[in-house]
Amino acid sequence: MSAVNVRYGLYPGDRLMITAGKKKKRATVVKEYPFHILLDWGKYKSSVNKVDVYTGDVKLARI
């Protein structure tokens, strides 16, 4: 099993603060998949790749 293919214990409805570079955004978890996390940003939905979290390009924090 790779280090990316792990569960973070995120459930639908969990609120997250996503930090990418200097930008911070709040999102709600829709579903966690093996290699990405589907997020609801309000007006649209998109996913965050777990590889980016693993390498440190994106940081997740529960709010």
PDB file of N, CA and C in Angstrom:
ATOM      1  N   MET A   1       0.845  -1.179   0.000  1.00  0.00           N
ATOM      2  CA  MET A   1       0.000   0.000   0.000  1.00  0.00           C
ATOM      3  C   MET A   1       0.889   1.241   0.000  1.00  0.00           C
ATOM      4  N   SER A   2       0.556   2.187  -0.823  1.00  0.00           N
ATOM      5  CA  SER A   2       1.341   3.416  -0.880  1.00  0.00           C
ATOM      6  C   SER A   2       0.927   4.355   0.251  1.00  0.00           C
ATOM      7  N   ALA A   3       1.742   5.340   0.511  1.00  0.00           N
ATOM      8  CA  ALA A   3       1.455   6.303   1.572  1.00  0.00           C
ATOM      9  C   ALA A   3       0.321   7.248   1.184  1.00  0.00           C
ATOM     10  N   VAL A   4       0.009   7.318  -0.093  1.00  0.00           N
ATOM     11  CA  VAL A   4      -1.056   8.205  -0.551  1.00  0.00           C
ATOM     12  C   VAL A   4      -2.413   7.534  -0.403  1.00  0.00           C
ATOM     13  N   ASN A   5      -2.451   6.227  -0.558  1.00  0.00           N
ATOM     14  CA  ASN A   5      -3.704   5.485  -0.546  1.00  0.00           C
ATOM     15  C   ASN A   5      -4.112   5.131   0.886  1.00  0.00           C
ATOM     16  N   VAL A   6      -4.232   6.144   1.752  1.00  0.00           N
ATOM     17  CA  VAL A   6      -4.655   5.929   3.136  1.00  0.00           C
ATOM     18  C   VAL A   6      -5.874   6.792   3.422  1.00  0.00           C
ATOM     19  N   ARG A   7      -6.692   6.331   4.351  1.00  0.00           N
ATOM     20  CA  ARG A   7      -7.855   7.117   4.750  1.00  0.00           C
ATOM     21  C   ARG A   7      -7.442   8.168   5.763  1.00  0.00           C
ATOM     22  N   TYR A   8      -7.977   9.363   5.614  1.00  0.00           N
ATOM     23  CA  TYR A   8      -7.720  10.438   6.560  1.00  0.00           C
ATOM     24  C   TYR A   8      -8.816  10.512   7.618  1.00  0.00           C
ATOM     25  N   GLY A   9      -9.816   9.650   7.513  1.00  0.00           N
ATOM     26  CA  GLY A   9     -10.907   9.666   8.479  1.00  0.00           C
ATOM     27  C   GLY A   9     -11.855  10.830   8.270  1.00  0.00           C
ATOM     28  N   LEU A  10     -11.996  11.266   7.028  1.00  0.00           N
ATOM     29  CA  LEU A  10     -12.904  12.365   6.710  1.00  0.00           C
ATOM     30  C   LEU A  10     -14.261  11.799   6.332  1.00  0.00           C
ATOM     31  N   TYR A  11     -15.302  12.431   6.836  1.00  0.00           N
ATOM     32  CA  TYR A  11     -16.660  11.982   6.571  1.00  0.00           C
ATOM     33  C   TYR A  11     -17.449  13.104   5.911  1.00  0.00           C
ATOM     34  N   PRO A  12     -18.501  12.764   5.162  1.00  0.00           N
ATOM     35  CA  PRO A  12     -19.321  13.802   4.533  1.00  0.00           C
ATOM     36  C   PRO A  12     -19.829  14.797   5.575  1.00  0.00           C
ATOM     37  N   GLY A  13     -19.668  16.066   5.271  1.00  0.00           N
ATOM     38  CA  GLY A  13     -20.098  17.118   6.180  1.00  0.00           C
ATOM     39  C   GLY A  13     -18.979  17.708   7.018  1.00  0.00           C
ATOM     40  N   ASP A  14     -17.821  17.065   7.071  1.00  0.00           N
ATOM     41  CA  ASP A  14     -16.677  17.619   7.805  1.00  0.00           C
ATOM     42  C   ASP A  14     -16.226  18.910   7.136  1.00  0.00           C
ATOM     43  N   ARG A  15     -15.938  19.931   7.947  1.00  0.00           N
ATOM     44  CA  ARG A  15     -15.465  21.213   7.421  1.00  0.00           C
ATOM     45  C   ARG A  15     -13.948  21.251   7.473  1.00  0.00           C
ATOM     46  N   LEU A  16     -13.334  21.752   6.398  1.00  0.00           N
ATOM     47  CA  LEU A  16     -11.880  21.821   6.302  1.00  0.00           C
ATOM     48  C   LEU A  16     -11.430  23.211   5.884  1.00  0.00           C
ATOM     49  N   MET A  17     -10.250  23.591   6.351  1.00  0.00           N
ATOM     50  CA  MET A  17      -9.564  24.778   5.850  1.00  0.00           C
ATOM     51  C   MET A  17      -8.454  24.260   4.947  1.00  0.00           C
ATOM     52  N   ILE A  18      -8.496  24.629   3.678  1.00  0.00           N
ATOM     53  CA  ILE A  18      -7.528  24.181   2.691  1.00  0.00           C
ATOM     54  C   ILE A  18      -6.549  25.325   2.443  1.00  0.00           C
ATOM     55  N   THR A  19      -5.262  25.063   2.614  1.00  0.00           N
ATOM     56  CA  THR A  19      -4.231  26.069   2.379  1.00  0.00           C
ATOM     57  C   THR A  19      -3.349  25.597   1.232  1.00  0.00           C
ATOM     58  N   ALA A  20      -3.328  26.373   0.164  1.00  0.00           N
ATOM     59  CA  ALA A  20      -2.473  26.079  -0.994  1.00  0.00           C
ATOM     60  C   ALA A  20      -1.674  27.341  -1.284  1.00  0.00           C
ATOM     61  N   GLY A  21      -0.405  27.310  -0.951  1.00  0.00           N
ATOM     62  CA  GLY A  21       0.410  28.514  -1.093  1.00  0.00           C
ATOM     63  C   GLY A  21      -0.023  29.525  -0.052  1.00  0.00           C
ATOM     64  N   LYS A  22      -0.412  30.726  -0.491  1.00  0.00           N
ATOM     65  CA  LYS A  22      -0.890  31.744   0.446  1.00  0.00           C
ATOM     66  C   LYS A  22      -2.408  31.829   0.485  1.00  0.00           C
ATOM     67  N   LYS A  23      -3.082  31.038  -0.363  1.00  0.00           N
ATOM     68  CA  LYS A  23      -4.540  31.077  -0.418  1.00  0.00           C
ATOM     69  C   LYS A  23      -5.138  30.107   0.592  1.00  0.00           C
ATOM     70  N   LYS A  24      -6.137  30.571   1.331  1.00  0.00           N
ATOM     71  CA  LYS A  24      -6.864  29.716   2.264  1.00  0.00           C
ATOM     72  C   LYS A  24      -8.335  29.731   1.875  1.00  0.00           C
ATOM     73  N   LYS A  25      -8.946  28.551   1.860  1.00  0.00           N
ATOM     74  CA  LYS A  25     -10.363  28.440   1.534  1.00  0.00           C
ATOM     75  C   LYS A  25     -11.011  27.436   2.466  1.00  0.00           C
ATOM     76  N   ARG A  26     -12.283  27.619   2.705  1.00  0.00           N
ATOM     77  CA  ARG A  26     -13.046  26.674   3.510  1.00  0.00           C
ATOM     78  C   ARG A  26     -13.887  25.806   2.595  1.00  0.00           C
ATOM     79  N   ALA A  27     -13.993  24.535   2.961  1.00  0.00           N
ATOM     80  CA  ALA A  27     -14.747  23.596   2.133  1.00  0.00           C
ATOM     81  C   ALA A  27     -15.394  22.546   3.021  1.00  0.00           C
ATOM     82  N   THR A  28     -16.377  21.855   2.452  1.00  0.00           N
ATOM     83  CA  THR A  28     -17.059  20.757   3.123  1.00  0.00           C
ATOM     84  C   THR A  28     -16.762  19.476   2.367  1.00  0.00           C
ATOM     85  N   VAL A  29     -16.441  18.427   3.105  1.00  0.00           N
ATOM     86  CA  VAL A  29     -16.133  17.137   2.492  1.00  0.00           C
ATOM     87  C   VAL A  29     -17.415  16.524   1.938  1.00  0.00           C
ATOM     88  N   VAL A  30     -17.376  16.088   0.683  1.00  0.00           N
ATOM     89  CA  VAL A  30     -18.482  15.352   0.079  1.00  0.00           C
ATOM     90  C   VAL A  30     -18.208  13.861   0.216  1.00  0.00           C
ATOM     91  N   LYS A  31     -16.998  13.426  -0.188  1.00  0.00           N
ATOM     92  CA  LYS A  31     -16.622  12.020  -0.076  1.00  0.00           C
ATOM     93  C   LYS A  31     -15.113  11.894  -0.185  1.00  0.00           C
ATOM     94  N   GLU A  32     -14.577  10.928   0.567  1.00  0.00           N
ATOM     95  CA  GLU A  32     -13.147  10.644   0.491  1.00  0.00           C
ATOM     96  C   GLU A  32     -12.930   9.398  -0.349  1.00  0.00           C
ATOM     97  N   TYR A  33     -12.102   9.517  -1.362  1.00  0.00           N
ATOM     98  CA  TYR A  33     -11.745   8.407  -2.238  1.00  0.00           C
ATOM     99  C   TYR A  33     -10.305   7.991  -1.941  1.00  0.00           C
ATOM    100  N   PRO A  34      -9.847   6.840  -2.462  1.00  0.00           N
ATOM    101  CA  PRO A  34      -8.478   6.397  -2.159  1.00  0.00           C
ATOM    102  C   PRO A  34      -7.381   7.393  -2.548  1.00  0.00           C
ATOM    103  N   PHE A  35      -7.538   8.123  -3.656  1.00  0.00           N
ATOM    104  CA  PHE A  35      -6.463   9.004  -4.100  1.00  0.00           C
ATOM    105  C   PHE A  35      -6.840  10.477  -4.155  1.00  0.00           C
ATOM    106  N   HIS A  36      -8.076  10.845  -3.831  1.00  0.00           N
ATOM    107  CA  HIS A  36      -8.456  12.252  -3.774  1.00  0.00           C
ATOM    108  C   HIS A  36      -9.634  12.441  -2.823  1.00  0.00           C
ATOM    109  N   ILE A  37      -9.910  13.700  -2.491  1.00  0.00           N
ATOM    110  CA  ILE A  37     -11.005  14.067  -1.595  1.00  0.00           C
ATOM    111  C   ILE A  37     -11.916  15.012  -2.364  1.00  0.00           C
ATOM    112  N   LEU A  38     -13.185  14.649  -2.501  1.00  0.00           N
ATOM    113  CA  LEU A  38     -14.157  15.494  -3.187  1.00  0.00           C
ATOM    114  C   LEU A  38     -14.683  16.524  -2.194  1.00  0.00           C
ATOM    115  N   LEU A  39     -14.581  17.817  -2.568  1.00  0.00           N
ATOM    116  CA  LEU A  39     -14.954  18.913  -1.678  1.00  0.00           C
ATOM    117  C   LEU A  39     -16.018  19.790  -2.312  1.00  0.00           C
ATOM    118  N   ASP A  40     -16.885  20.326  -1.463  1.00  0.00           N
ATOM    119  CA  ASP A  40     -17.908  21.284  -1.880  1.00  0.00           C
ATOM    120  C   ASP A  40     -17.440  22.662  -1.423  1.00  0.00           C
ATOM    121  N   TRP A  41     -17.218  23.549  -2.376  1.00  0.00           N
ATOM    122  CA  TRP A  41     -16.708  24.886  -2.079  1.00  0.00           C
ATOM    123  C   TRP A  41     -17.825  25.910  -1.940  1.00  0.00           C
ATOM    124  N   GLY A  42     -19.059  25.501  -2.124  1.00  0.00           N
ATOM    125  CA  GLY A  42     -20.194  26.419  -2.060  1.00  0.00           C
ATOM    126  C   GLY A  42     -20.924  26.432  -3.384  1.00  0.00           C
ATOM    127  N   LYS A  43     -20.362  27.106  -4.378  1.00  0.00           N
ATOM    128  CA  LYS A  43     -21.000  27.186  -5.688  1.00  0.00           C
ATOM    129  C   LYS A  43     -20.596  26.047  -6.606  1.00  0.00           C
ATOM    130  N   TYR A  44     -19.514  25.362  -6.297  1.00  0.00           N
ATOM    131  CA  TYR A  44     -19.048  24.274  -7.156  1.00  0.00           C
ATOM    132  C   TYR A  44     -18.351  23.219  -6.310  1.00  0.00           C
ATOM    133  N   LYS A  45     -18.108  22.064  -6.917  1.00  0.00           N
ATOM    134  CA  LYS A  45     -17.410  20.961  -6.259  1.00  0.00           C
ATOM    135  C   LYS A  45     -16.159  20.627  -7.055  1.00  0.00           C
ATOM    136  N   SER A  46     -15.099  20.282  -6.354  1.00  0.00           N
ATOM    137  CA  SER A  46     -13.870  19.831  -7.004  1.00  0.00           C
ATOM    138  C   SER A  46     -13.136  18.921  -6.035  1.00  0.00           C
ATOM    139  N   SER A  47     -12.035  18.368  -6.499  1.00  0.00           N
ATOM    140  CA  SER A  47     -11.310  17.428  -5.648  1.00  0.00           C
ATOM    141  C   SER A  47      -9.902  17.927  -5.361  1.00  0.00           C
ATOM    142  N   VAL A  48      -9.382  17.475  -4.221  1.00  0.00           N
ATOM    143  CA  VAL A  48      -7.999  17.732  -3.834  1.00  0.00           C
ATOM    144  C   VAL A  48      -7.281  16.403  -3.907  1.00  0.00           C
ATOM    145  N   ASN A  49      -6.180  16.374  -4.625  1.00  0.00           N
ATOM    146  CA  ASN A  49      -5.408  15.156  -4.797  1.00  0.00           C
ATOM    147  C   ASN A  49      -4.602  14.884  -3.530  1.00  0.00           C
ATOM    148  N   LYS A  50      -4.631  13.647  -3.024  1.00  0.00           N
ATOM    149  CA  LYS A  50      -3.896  13.300  -1.811  1.00  0.00           C
ATOM    150  C   LYS A  50      -2.385  13.345  -2.018  1.00  0.00           C
ATOM    151  N   VAL A  51      -1.926  13.250  -3.265  1.00  0.00           N
ATOM    152  CA  VAL A  51      -0.493  13.385  -3.543  1.00  0.00           C
ATOM    153  C   VAL A  51      -0.031  14.789  -3.158  1.00  0.00           C
ATOM    154  N   ASP A  52      -0.852  15.808  -3.439  1.00  0.00           N
ATOM    155  CA  ASP A  52      -0.504  17.179  -3.077  1.00  0.00           C
ATOM    156  C   ASP A  52      -0.445  17.364  -1.564  1.00  0.00           C
ATOM    157  N   VAL A  53      -1.317  16.689  -0.836  1.00  0.00           N
ATOM    158  CA  VAL A  53      -1.293  16.750   0.627  1.00  0.00           C
ATOM    159  C   VAL A  53      -0.040  16.059   1.143  1.00  0.00           C
ATOM    160  N   TYR A  54       0.297  14.922   0.555  1.00  0.00           N
ATOM    161  CA  TYR A  54       1.463  14.145   0.979  1.00  0.00           C
ATOM    162  C   TYR A  54       2.769  14.910   0.750  1.00  0.00           C
ATOM    163  N   THR A  55       2.863  15.614  -0.375  1.00  0.00           N
ATOM    164  CA  THR A  55       4.084  16.364  -0.686  1.00  0.00           C
ATOM    165  C   THR A  55       4.142  17.709   0.030  1.00  0.00           C
ATOM    166  N   GLY A  56       3.044  18.156   0.609  1.00  0.00           N
ATOM    167  CA  GLY A  56       3.027  19.415   1.344  1.00  0.00           C
ATOM    168  C   GLY A  56       2.595  20.608   0.524  1.00  0.00           C
ATOM    169  N   ASP A  57       2.207  20.406  -0.720  1.00  0.00           N
ATOM    170  CA  ASP A  57       1.736  21.517  -1.552  1.00  0.00           C
ATOM    171  C   ASP A  57       0.401  22.058  -1.054  1.00  0.00           C
ATOM    172  N   VAL A  58      -0.412  21.190  -0.464  1.00  0.00           N
ATOM    173  CA  VAL A  58      -1.720  21.552   0.076  1.00  0.00           C
ATOM    174  C   VAL A  58      -1.771  21.077   1.520  1.00  0.00           C
ATOM    175  N   LYS A  59      -2.314  21.940   2.389  1.00  0.00           N
ATOM    176  CA  LYS A  59      -2.454  21.557   3.794  1.00  0.00           C
ATOM    177  C   LYS A  59      -3.930  21.517   4.151  1.00  0.00           C
ATOM    178  N   LEU A  60      -4.326  20.523   4.947  1.00  0.00           N
ATOM    179  CA  LEU A  60      -5.700  20.370   5.405  1.00  0.00           C
ATOM    180  C   LEU A  60      -5.754  20.622   6.906  1.00  0.00           C
ATOM    181  N   ALA A  61      -6.794  21.317   7.347  1.00  0.00           N
ATOM    182  CA  ALA A  61      -7.009  21.528   8.776  1.00  0.00           C
ATOM    183  C   ALA A  61      -8.507  21.485   9.035  1.00  0.00           C
ATOM    184  N   ARG A  62      -8.908  20.767  10.073  1.00  0.00           N
ATOM    185  CA  ARG A  62     -10.330  20.725  10.430  1.00  0.00           C
ATOM    186  C   ARG A  62     -10.709  22.006  11.146  1.00  0.00           C
ATOM    187  N   ILE A  63     -11.910  22.499  10.822  1.00  0.00           N
ATOM    188  CA  ILE A  63     -12.401  23.710  11.499  1.00  0.00           C
ATOM    189  C   ILE A  63     -13.730  23.419  12.138  1.00  0.00           C
TER     190      ILE A  63
END
